[in-house]
């Protein structure tokens, strides 16, 4: 999967469970991602996506992913 494909998929990914179920991953609160960073991210694709969201939020790049969601259809 290319970086572009990965970002498009991330832009449309939603939290599948818990308090924030149904919320776009990029819109998860920072404190929740920091908690996962300390606890350990889940295994698999969700964990990889949450790590990426953490890094994007850390660097203030959330709007980049939101723009992708608005401009590219769901894969």
Protein backbone atom coordinates (compact mmCIF):
# COMPACT_ATOMS: atom_id res chain seq x y z
CA UNK A 1 0.00 0.00 0.00
CA UNK A 2 1.40 3.40 -0.96
CA UNK A 3 1.60 6.30 1.49
CA UNK A 4 -1.19 8.03 -0.45
CA UNK A 5 -3.45 4.99 -0.19
CA UNK A 6 -2.62 4.67 3.51
CA UNK A 7 -3.57 8.32 4.17
CA UNK A 8 -6.82 8.02 2.20
CA UNK A 9 -7.76 4.90 4.17
CA UNK A 10 -6.82 6.63 7.44
CA UNK A 11 -8.90 9.67 6.53
CA UNK A 12 -12.02 7.48 6.41
CA UNK A 13 -11.19 5.14 9.32
CA UNK A 14 -13.44 5.22 12.38
CA UNK A 15 -12.94 3.93 15.89
CA UNK A 16 -14.60 0.49 16.01
CA UNK A 17 -15.24 0.26 19.77
CA UNK A 18 -15.29 2.02 23.12
CA UNK A 19 -16.22 5.50 24.25
CA UNK A 20 -15.31 7.00 20.87
CA UNK A 21 -16.90 4.30 18.69
CA UNK A 22 -17.87 5.67 15.28
CA UNK A 23 -15.63 8.77 15.52
CA UNK A 24 -13.05 9.32 12.79
CA UNK A 25 -9.63 8.32 14.10
CA UNK A 26 -8.17 11.69 13.16
CA UNK A 27 -10.81 13.36 15.39
CA UNK A 28 -9.98 11.35 18.52
CA UNK A 29 -9.00 13.54 21.47
CA UNK A 30 -5.28 13.97 22.03
CA UNK A 31 -5.48 12.70 25.62
CA UNK A 32 -6.93 9.40 24.35
CA UNK A 33 -4.04 8.89 21.93
CA UNK A 34 -1.52 9.83 24.62
CA UNK A 35 -3.14 7.20 26.86
CA UNK A 36 -2.72 4.58 24.13
CA UNK A 37 0.87 5.70 23.61
CA UNK A 38 1.57 4.93 27.27
CA UNK A 39 -0.55 1.76 27.46
CA UNK A 40 0.44 0.34 24.09
CA UNK A 41 -1.45 0.58 20.83
CA UNK A 42 -3.62 -2.36 19.73
CA UNK A 43 -2.13 -4.94 17.38
CA UNK A 44 -2.85 -4.89 13.68
CA UNK A 45 -4.09 -2.23 11.32
CA UNK A 46 -6.01 -0.26 13.96
CA UNK A 47 -2.91 0.05 16.12
CA UNK A 48 -0.84 1.20 13.16
CA UNK A 49 -3.46 3.78 12.24
CA UNK A 50 -3.69 5.06 15.83
CA UNK A 51 0.11 5.41 15.96
CA UNK A 52 0.00 7.44 12.76
CA UNK A 53 -2.82 9.64 14.09
CA UNK A 54 -0.79 10.20 17.27
CA UNK A 55 2.21 11.34 15.20
CA UNK A 56 0.06 13.53 12.94
CA UNK A 57 -1.60 15.23 15.92
CA UNK A 58 1.77 15.64 17.63
CA UNK A 59 2.93 17.57 14.56
CA UNK A 60 -0.30 19.51 14.03
CA UNK A 61 -1.16 17.81 10.74
CA UNK A 62 -4.74 16.70 11.46
CA UNK A 63 -6.19 19.13 8.92
CA UNK A 64 -4.20 17.42 6.17
CA UNK A 65 -6.12 14.18 6.82
CA UNK A 66 -9.45 16.00 7.13
CA UNK A 67 -8.82 17.61 3.72
CA UNK A 68 -8.08 14.19 2.23
CA UNK A 69 -11.41 12.89 3.61
CA UNK A 70 -13.26 15.80 1.98
CA UNK A 71 -11.51 15.48 -1.37
CA UNK A 72 -11.04 11.75 -1.90
CA UNK A 73 -13.79 9.13 -1.89
CA UNK A 74 -13.78 6.28 0.57
CA UNK A 75 -11.61 3.44 -0.78
